[in-house]
C-alpha atoms as a PDB file:
ATOM      1  CA  UNK A   1      20.683 -26.499  -0.350  1.00  0.00           C
ATOM      2  CA  UNK A   2      23.217 -27.976  -2.997  1.00  0.00           C
ATOM      3  CA  UNK A   3      24.260 -31.350  -1.621  1.00  0.00           C
ATOM      4  CA  UNK A   4      28.146 -31.774  -0.876  1.00  0.00           C
ATOM      5  CA  UNK A   5      30.137 -33.554  -3.562  1.00  0.00           C
ATOM      6  CA  UNK A   6      31.552 -36.810  -2.669  1.00  0.00           C
ATOM      7  CA  UNK A   7      35.523 -36.218  -3.971  1.00  0.00           C
ATOM      8  CA  UNK A   8      37.628 -39.482  -4.101  1.00  0.00           C
ATOM      9  CA  UNK A   9      39.750 -39.999  -1.164  1.00  0.00           C
ATOM     10  CA  UNK A  10      43.803 -39.163  -1.574  1.00  0.00           C
ATOM     11  CA  UNK A  11      45.408 -42.873  -1.519  1.00  0.00           C
ATOM     12  CA  UNK A  12      47.067 -43.858   2.196  1.00  0.00           C
ATOM     13  CA  UNK A  13      49.936 -46.136   2.399  1.00  0.00           C
ATOM     14  CA  UNK A  14      51.141 -47.008   5.668  1.00  0.00           C
ATOM     15  CA  UNK A  15      54.340 -46.724   6.875  1.00  0.00           C
ATOM     16  CA  UNK A  16      56.265 -48.101   9.823  1.00  0.00           C
ATOM     17  CA  UNK A  17      54.358 -45.198  12.390  1.00  0.00           C
ATOM     18  CA  UNK A  18      50.841 -45.731  11.205  1.00  0.00           C
ATOM     19  CA  UNK A  19      51.124 -49.228  10.774  1.00  0.00           C
ATOM     20  CA  UNK A  20      49.219 -50.182  13.844  1.00  0.00           C
ATOM     21  CA  UNK A  21      46.849 -47.060  13.519  1.00  0.00           C
ATOM     22  CA  UNK A  22      46.084 -48.726   9.826  1.00  0.00           C
ATOM     23  CA  UNK A  23      45.516 -52.579  11.555  1.00  0.00           C
ATOM     24  CA  UNK A  24      43.133 -50.479  13.915  1.00  0.00           C
ATOM     25  CA  UNK A  25      40.993 -48.778  11.203  1.00  0.00           C
ATOM     26  CA  UNK A  26      40.986 -51.924   8.989  1.00  0.00           C
ATOM     27  CA  UNK A  27      39.070 -53.238  11.607  1.00  0.00           C
ATOM     28  CA  UNK A  28      36.738 -50.371  12.422  1.00  0.00           C
ATOM     29  CA  UNK A  29      38.029 -49.158  15.129  1.00  0.00           C
ATOM     30  CA  UNK A  30      39.823 -45.786  15.705  1.00  0.00           C
ATOM     31  CA  UNK A  31      42.649 -45.971  17.818  1.00  0.00           C
ATOM     32  CA  UNK A  32      44.011 -42.931  20.272  1.00  0.00           C
ATOM     33  CA  UNK A  33      47.988 -43.125  21.968  1.00  0.00           C
ATOM     34  CA  UNK A  34      47.626 -43.815  25.415  1.00  0.00           C
ATOM     35  CA  UNK A  35      50.657 -42.899  28.235  1.00  0.00           C
ATOM     36  CA  UNK A  36      51.359 -46.110  29.422  1.00  0.00           C
ATOM     37  CA  UNK A  37      52.311 -44.006  32.993  1.00  0.00           C
ATOM     38  CA  UNK A  38      49.944 -41.351  32.680  1.00  0.00           C
ATOM     39  CA  UNK A  39      46.874 -42.581  30.882  1.00  0.00           C
ATOM     40  CA  UNK A  40      46.693 -39.598  28.934  1.00  0.00           C
ATOM     41  CA  UNK A  41      45.404 -39.939  25.815  1.00  0.00           C
ATOM     42  CA  UNK A  42      46.966 -38.343  22.517  1.00  0.00           C
ATOM     43  CA  UNK A  43      45.571 -38.108  18.448  1.00  0.00           C
ATOM     44  CA  UNK A  44      47.119 -40.622  16.660  1.00  0.00           C
ATOM     45  CA  UNK A  45      49.244 -38.272  14.697  1.00  0.00           C
ATOM     46  CA  UNK A  46      50.660 -37.100  17.938  1.00  0.00           C
ATOM     47  CA  UNK A  47      54.718 -37.533  18.043  1.00  0.00           C
ATOM     48  CA  UNK A  48      55.897 -38.824  20.883  1.00  0.00           C
ATOM     49  CA  UNK A  49      59.858 -38.952  22.220  1.00  0.00           C
ATOM     50  CA  UNK A  50      59.870 -42.297  22.937  1.00  0.00           C
ATOM     51  CA  UNK A  51      57.574 -45.109  21.565  1.00  0.00           C
ATOM     52  CA  UNK A  52      57.773 -47.596  24.532  1.00  0.00           C
ATOM     53  CA  UNK A  53      55.947 -45.197  26.741  1.00  0.00           C
ATOM     54  CA  UNK A  54      52.763 -45.400  24.808  1.00  0.00           C
ATOM     55  CA  UNK A  55      50.426 -47.965  23.809  1.00  0.00           C
ATOM     56  CA  UNK A  56      48.000 -47.911  20.605  1.00  0.00           C
ATOM     57  CA  UNK A  57      44.157 -48.019  22.225  1.00  0.00           C
ATOM     58  CA  UNK A  58      40.730 -48.379  21.142  1.00  0.00           C
ATOM     59  CA  UNK A  59      38.287 -45.035  21.096  1.00  0.00           C
ATOM     60  CA  UNK A  60      34.685 -44.756  20.650  1.00  0.00           C
ATOM     61  CA  UNK A  61      35.188 -43.196  17.721  1.00  0.00           C
ATOM     62  CA  UNK A  62      32.431 -39.975  18.856  1.00  0.00           C
ATOM     63  CA  UNK A  63      33.077 -36.400  19.190  1.00  0.00           C
ATOM     64  CA  UNK A  64      31.733 -32.862  18.605  1.00  0.00           C
ATOM     65  CA  UNK A  65      32.264 -30.206  15.827  1.00  0.00           C
ATOM     66  CA  UNK A  66      34.719 -27.820  17.301  1.00  0.00           C
ATOM     67  CA  UNK A  67      35.193 -26.031  13.324  1.00  0.00           C
ATOM     68  CA  UNK A  68      34.436 -26.824   9.664  1.00  0.00           C
ATOM     69  CA  UNK A  69      35.090 -25.134   5.977  1.00  0.00           C
ATOM     70  CA  UNK A  70      33.742 -26.198   3.237  1.00  0.00           C
ATOM     71  CA  UNK A  71      36.187 -26.736   0.323  1.00  0.00           C
ATOM     72  CA  UNK A  72      35.249 -25.150  -3.007  1.00  0.00           C
ATOM     73  CA  UNK A  73      36.113 -26.251  -6.668  1.00  0.00           C
ATOM     74  CA  UNK A  74      35.367 -25.582 -10.227  1.00  0.00           C
ATOM     75  CA  UNK A  75      33.075 -28.210 -12.180  1.00  0.00           C
ATOM     76  CA  UNK A  76      32.860 -29.394 -15.803  1.00  0.00           C
ATOM     77  CA  UNK A  77      31.514 -25.469 -16.195  1.00  0.00           C
ATOM     78  CA  UNK A  78      33.845 -23.664 -14.431  1.00  0.00           C
ATOM     79  CA  UNK A  79      31.262 -22.843 -11.987  1.00  0.00           C
ATOM     80  CA  UNK A  80      32.530 -22.569  -8.093  1.00  0.00           C
ATOM     81  CA  UNK A  81      30.904 -25.496  -6.374  1.00  0.00           C
ATOM     82  CA  UNK A  82      31.482 -26.779  -3.015  1.00  0.00           C
ATOM     83  CA  UNK A  83      33.177 -30.434  -3.181  1.00  0.00           C
ATOM     84  CA  UNK A  84      33.909 -31.450   0.563  1.00  0.00           C
ATOM     85  CA  UNK A  85      33.863 -30.480   4.149  1.00  0.00           C
ATOM     86  CA  UNK A  86      36.686 -30.452   6.601  1.00  0.00           C
ATOM     87  CA  UNK A  87      36.378 -30.409  10.244  1.00  0.00           C
ATOM     88  CA  UNK A  88      37.621 -29.978  13.517  1.00  0.00           C
ATOM     89  CA  UNK A  89      36.762 -33.167  16.078  1.00  0.00           C
ATOM     90  CA  UNK A  90      37.058 -33.151  19.773  1.00  0.00           C
ATOM     91  CA  UNK A  91      36.568 -36.845  20.251  1.00  0.00           C
ATOM     92  CA  UNK A  92      35.073 -38.344  23.332  1.00  0.00           C
ATOM     93  CA  UNK A  93      38.171 -38.936  25.427  1.00  0.00           C
ATOM     94  CA  UNK A  94      39.289 -35.445  24.394  1.00  0.00           C
ATOM     95  CA  UNK A  95      42.126 -34.925  21.325  1.00  0.00           C
ATOM     96  CA  UNK A  96      41.211 -33.595  18.269  1.00  0.00           C
ATOM     97  CA  UNK A  97      41.257 -35.096  15.281  1.00  0.00           C
ATOM     98  CA  UNK A  98      41.360 -32.975  11.718  1.00  0.00           C
ATOM     99  CA  UNK A  99      38.986 -35.189   9.111  1.00  0.00           C
ATOM    100  CA  UNK A 100      36.606 -35.147   6.138  1.00  0.00           C
ATOM    101  CA  UNK A 101      33.087 -34.732   7.183  1.00  0.00           C
ATOM    102  CA  UNK A 102      30.793 -36.626   5.172  1.00  0.00           C
ATOM    103  CA  UNK A 103      27.303 -35.156   4.848  1.00  0.00           C
ATOM    104  CA  UNK A 104      24.183 -35.556   3.010  1.00  0.00           C
ATOM    105  CA  UNK A 105      24.003 -31.872   2.066  1.00  0.00           C
ATOM    106  CA  UNK A 106      23.205 -30.991   5.126  1.00  0.00           C
ATOM    107  CA  UNK A 107      25.136 -27.694   6.685  1.00  0.00           C
ATOM    108  CA  UNK A 108      27.032 -28.769   9.908  1.00  0.00           C
ATOM    109  CA  UNK A 109      26.909 -26.979  13.312  1.00  0.00           C
ATOM    110  CA  UNK A 110      29.591 -26.526  15.435  1.00  0.00           C
ATOM    111  CA  UNK A 111      29.117 -28.531  18.576  1.00  0.00           C
ATOM    112  CA  UNK A 112      26.859 -30.851  16.264  1.00  0.00           C
ATOM    113  CA  UNK A 113      27.493 -34.792  17.334  1.00  0.00           C
ATOM    114  CA  UNK A 114      28.963 -36.905  15.129  1.00  0.00           C
ATOM    115  CA  UNK A 115      30.699 -40.474  14.319  1.00  0.00           C
ATOM    116  CA  UNK A 116      33.509 -41.931  12.278  1.00  0.00           C
ATOM    117  CA  UNK A 117      33.303 -44.227   9.383  1.00  0.00           C
ATOM    118  CA  UNK A 118      35.834 -45.988   8.127  1.00  0.00           C
ATOM    119  CA  UNK A 119      36.385 -45.634   4.150  1.00  0.00           C
ATOM    120  CA  UNK A 120      39.186 -47.251   1.599  1.00  0.00           C
ATOM    121  CA  UNK A 121      41.637 -44.426   0.510  1.00  0.00           C
ATOM    122  CA  UNK A 122      41.453 -46.125  -2.956  1.00  0.00           C
ATOM    123  CA  UNK A 123      41.251 -49.120  -5.503  1.00  0.00           C
ATOM    124  CA  UNK A 124      44.770 -50.913  -4.851  1.00  0.00           C
ATOM    125  CA  UNK A 125      44.792 -53.658  -1.633  1.00  0.00           C
ATOM    126  CA  UNK A 126      47.680 -51.679  -0.239  1.00  0.00           C
ATOM    127  CA  UNK A 127      45.545 -48.544   0.121  1.00  0.00           C
ATOM    128  CA  UNK A 128      44.273 -48.065   3.519  1.00  0.00           C
ATOM    129  CA  UNK A 129      41.256 -47.266   5.265  1.00  0.00           C
ATOM    130  CA  UNK A 130      40.991 -43.970   7.096  1.00  0.00           C
ATOM    131  CA  UNK A 131      38.430 -42.221   9.317  1.00  0.00           C
ATOM    132  CA  UNK A 132      35.941 -39.662   8.151  1.00  0.00           C
ATOM    133  CA  UNK A 133      33.393 -38.478  10.077  1.00  0.00           C
ATOM    134  CA  UNK A 134      29.873 -38.581  10.098  1.00  0.00           C
ATOM    135  CA  UNK A 135      26.635 -36.382  11.481  1.00  0.00           C
ATOM    136  CA  UNK A 136      24.966 -38.003  13.912  1.00  0.00           C
END
């Protein structure tokens, strides 16, 4: 099987709404939004009506693949080649996360166990660490 090529991540910068999440990723923590009244856990990207009703809480950073697809591109010879894998991961805590899946060329299986790693999204100091998932 052809190994999946690793492409650079798009540089990501924080804003006021993402600052706490990226503080967590810089520490190697995957954070979820927790409703302080109900205990419901939401994916980090979920918009909430009132921030005061939610806090950031660490998750285990583990889950399973719900779905995935290979993204193709062209190499210098204009041949179509696989570039990276995108996946939907159901976190052990319940929320779903859309992510880049890092693999050694092994084709992922739906239901396969994965864990988060945190990769720097660019070379500049202001570029954040972002979660990607890796097959167990």
